[in-house]
């Protein structure tokens, strides 16, 4: 017997399954962020989103973007070590709500 489903139900279920991992990963990163980057950086930054292995981090000013650009590889390494797996391969810094 054929059963029909509304396309909205199918999309909602598909998106829910895709976002679950990234939402869980972002939550883990939020919990580790201050310990990974330190209190000064933590006060001026906020992990905002993950897309594939790219982490988007909001910062308070262009000065912080410049400063963090030079620390990006060290942050990625410490973050992946703390997560116990190579989850992040790049970080994009943008000015945004912290």
C-alpha atoms as a PDB file:
ATOM      1  CA  UNK A   1       0.000   0.000   0.000  1.00  0.00           C
ATOM      2  CA  UNK A   2       1.376   3.411  -0.976  1.00  0.00           C
ATOM      3  CA  UNK A   3       1.407   6.060   1.677  1.00  0.00           C
ATOM      4  CA  UNK A   4       1.668   9.757   0.900  1.00  0.00           C
ATOM      5  CA  UNK A   5       3.576  12.259   3.017  1.00  0.00           C
ATOM      6  CA  UNK A   6       3.640  16.021   2.838  1.00  0.00           C
ATOM      7  CA  UNK A   7       6.982  17.280   1.533  1.00  0.00           C
ATOM      8  CA  UNK A   8       7.267  19.542   4.601  1.00  0.00           C
ATOM      9  CA  UNK A   9       7.299  16.505   6.895  1.00  0.00           C
ATOM     10  CA  UNK A  10      10.015  14.839   4.865  1.00  0.00           C
ATOM     11  CA  UNK A  11      12.197  17.961   4.753  1.00  0.00           C
ATOM     12  CA  UNK A  12      11.713  18.667   8.450  1.00  0.00           C
ATOM     13  CA  UNK A  13      12.802  15.158   9.377  1.00  0.00           C
ATOM     14  CA  UNK A  14      15.783  15.284   7.014  1.00  0.00           C
ATOM     15  CA  UNK A  15      16.973  18.650   8.307  1.00  0.00           C
ATOM     16  CA  UNK A  16      16.530  17.553  11.901  1.00  0.00           C
ATOM     17  CA  UNK A  17      18.819  14.579  11.333  1.00  0.00           C
ATOM     18  CA  UNK A  18      21.445  16.713   9.577  1.00  0.00           C
ATOM     19  CA  UNK A  19      21.502  19.496  12.146  1.00  0.00           C
ATOM     20  CA  UNK A  20      21.633  17.218  15.157  1.00  0.00           C
ATOM     21  CA  UNK A  21      25.331  16.484  14.780  1.00  0.00           C
ATOM     22  CA  UNK A  22      26.344  20.084  14.127  1.00  0.00           C
ATOM     23  CA  UNK A  23      24.172  21.360  16.983  1.00  0.00           C
ATOM     24  CA  UNK A  24      25.715  18.811  19.329  1.00  0.00           C
ATOM     25  CA  UNK A  25      29.212  19.674  18.096  1.00  0.00           C
ATOM     26  CA  UNK A  26      28.590  23.386  18.527  1.00  0.00           C
ATOM     27  CA  UNK A  27      27.328  22.773  22.052  1.00  0.00           C
ATOM     28  CA  UNK A  28      30.488  20.807  22.856  1.00  0.00           C
ATOM     29  CA  UNK A  29      32.643  23.601  21.436  1.00  0.00           C
ATOM     30  CA  UNK A  30      30.752  26.202  23.508  1.00  0.00           C
ATOM     31  CA  UNK A  31      31.478  24.168  26.635  1.00  0.00           C
ATOM     32  CA  UNK A  32      35.203  23.898  25.821  1.00  0.00           C
ATOM     33  CA  UNK A  33      35.743  27.329  24.265  1.00  0.00           C
ATOM     34  CA  UNK A  34      36.965  29.279  27.305  1.00  0.00           C
ATOM     35  CA  UNK A  35      39.400  26.532  28.335  1.00  0.00           C
ATOM     36  CA  UNK A  36      40.738  26.261  24.762  1.00  0.00           C
ATOM     37  CA  UNK A  37      41.216  29.969  23.997  1.00  0.00           C
ATOM     38  CA  UNK A  38      41.580  31.484  27.463  1.00  0.00           C
ATOM     39  CA  UNK A  39      39.473  34.078  29.290  1.00  0.00           C
ATOM     40  CA  UNK A  40      40.540  37.193  27.341  1.00  0.00           C
ATOM     41  CA  UNK A  41      39.773  35.681  23.948  1.00  0.00           C
ATOM     42  CA  UNK A  42      36.634  34.021  25.284  1.00  0.00           C
ATOM     43  CA  UNK A  43      35.221  37.372  26.441  1.00  0.00           C
ATOM     44  CA  UNK A  44      35.616  38.785  22.919  1.00  0.00           C
ATOM     45  CA  UNK A  45      34.525  35.793  20.843  1.00  0.00           C
ATOM     46  CA  UNK A  46      31.643  33.341  20.477  1.00  0.00           C
ATOM     47  CA  UNK A  47      31.462  30.158  18.407  1.00  0.00           C
ATOM     48  CA  UNK A  48      28.387  30.730  16.251  1.00  0.00           C
ATOM     49  CA  UNK A  49      27.991  27.888  13.738  1.00  0.00           C
ATOM     50  CA  UNK A  50      29.562  24.840  12.142  1.00  0.00           C
ATOM     51  CA  UNK A  51      29.289  23.935   8.489  1.00  0.00           C
ATOM     52  CA  UNK A  52      31.060  20.715   7.614  1.00  0.00           C
ATOM     53  CA  UNK A  53      34.438  21.272   9.311  1.00  0.00           C
ATOM     54  CA  UNK A  54      34.356  25.081   9.239  1.00  0.00           C
ATOM     55  CA  UNK A  55      33.717  26.853  12.532  1.00  0.00           C
ATOM     56  CA  UNK A  56      32.286  30.376  12.382  1.00  0.00           C
ATOM     57  CA  UNK A  57      33.348  32.504  15.352  1.00  0.00           C
ATOM     58  CA  UNK A  58      31.922  35.941  16.060  1.00  0.00           C
ATOM     59  CA  UNK A  59      34.346  38.530  17.431  1.00  0.00           C
ATOM     60  CA  UNK A  60      33.906  42.005  18.888  1.00  0.00           C
ATOM     61  CA  UNK A  61      36.224  43.983  16.584  1.00  0.00           C
ATOM     62  CA  UNK A  62      38.548  43.903  13.568  1.00  0.00           C
ATOM     63  CA  UNK A  63      41.490  43.999  15.983  1.00  0.00           C
ATOM     64  CA  UNK A  64      40.410  40.625  17.381  1.00  0.00           C
ATOM     65  CA  UNK A  65      40.028  39.196  13.877  1.00  0.00           C
ATOM     66  CA  UNK A  66      43.595  40.245  13.116  1.00  0.00           C
ATOM     67  CA  UNK A  67      44.920  38.862  16.410  1.00  0.00           C
ATOM     68  CA  UNK A  68      43.088  35.540  16.103  1.00  0.00           C
ATOM     69  CA  UNK A  69      44.120  35.022  12.500  1.00  0.00           C
ATOM     70  CA  UNK A  70      47.676  34.362  13.718  1.00  0.00           C
ATOM     71  CA  UNK A  71      46.441  31.926  16.399  1.00  0.00           C
ATOM     72  CA  UNK A  72      43.975  30.066  14.193  1.00  0.00           C
ATOM     73  CA  UNK A  73      45.980  26.848  13.679  1.00  0.00           C
ATOM     74  CA  UNK A  74      46.824  26.585  17.384  1.00  0.00           C
ATOM     75  CA  UNK A  75      43.153  27.083  18.307  1.00  0.00           C
ATOM     76  CA  UNK A  76      42.075  24.405  15.806  1.00  0.00           C
ATOM     77  CA  UNK A  77      44.654  21.984  17.187  1.00  0.00           C
ATOM     78  CA  UNK A  78      43.712  22.588  20.845  1.00  0.00           C
ATOM     79  CA  UNK A  79      40.007  22.431  20.032  1.00  0.00           C
ATOM     80  CA  UNK A  80      40.319  19.118  18.178  1.00  0.00           C
ATOM     81  CA  UNK A  81      42.470  17.706  20.987  1.00  0.00           C
ATOM     82  CA  UNK A  82      39.812  18.725  23.516  1.00  0.00           C
ATOM     83  CA  UNK A  83      37.049  17.218  21.375  1.00  0.00           C
ATOM     84  CA  UNK A  84      39.025  14.006  20.947  1.00  0.00           C
ATOM     85  CA  UNK A  85      38.699  14.038  17.158  1.00  0.00           C
ATOM     86  CA  UNK A  86      39.565  16.161  14.130  1.00  0.00           C
ATOM     87  CA  UNK A  87      36.191  17.871  13.905  1.00  0.00           C
ATOM     88  CA  UNK A  88      37.335  21.370  12.865  1.00  0.00           C
ATOM     89  CA  UNK A  89      39.684  22.027   9.948  1.00  0.00           C
ATOM     90  CA  UNK A  90      39.221  25.795   9.574  1.00  0.00           C
ATOM     91  CA  UNK A  91      37.876  28.802  11.458  1.00  0.00           C
ATOM     92  CA  UNK A  92      36.296  31.902   9.963  1.00  0.00           C
ATOM     93  CA  UNK A  93      36.240  35.005  12.189  1.00  0.00           C
ATOM     94  CA  UNK A  94      33.539  37.623  11.657  1.00  0.00           C
ATOM     95  CA  UNK A  95      32.314  40.608  13.580  1.00  0.00           C
ATOM     96  CA  UNK A  96      29.040  39.711  15.212  1.00  0.00           C
ATOM     97  CA  UNK A  97      27.120  39.401  18.463  1.00  0.00           C
ATOM     98  CA  UNK A  98      29.251  38.038  21.266  1.00  0.00           C
END
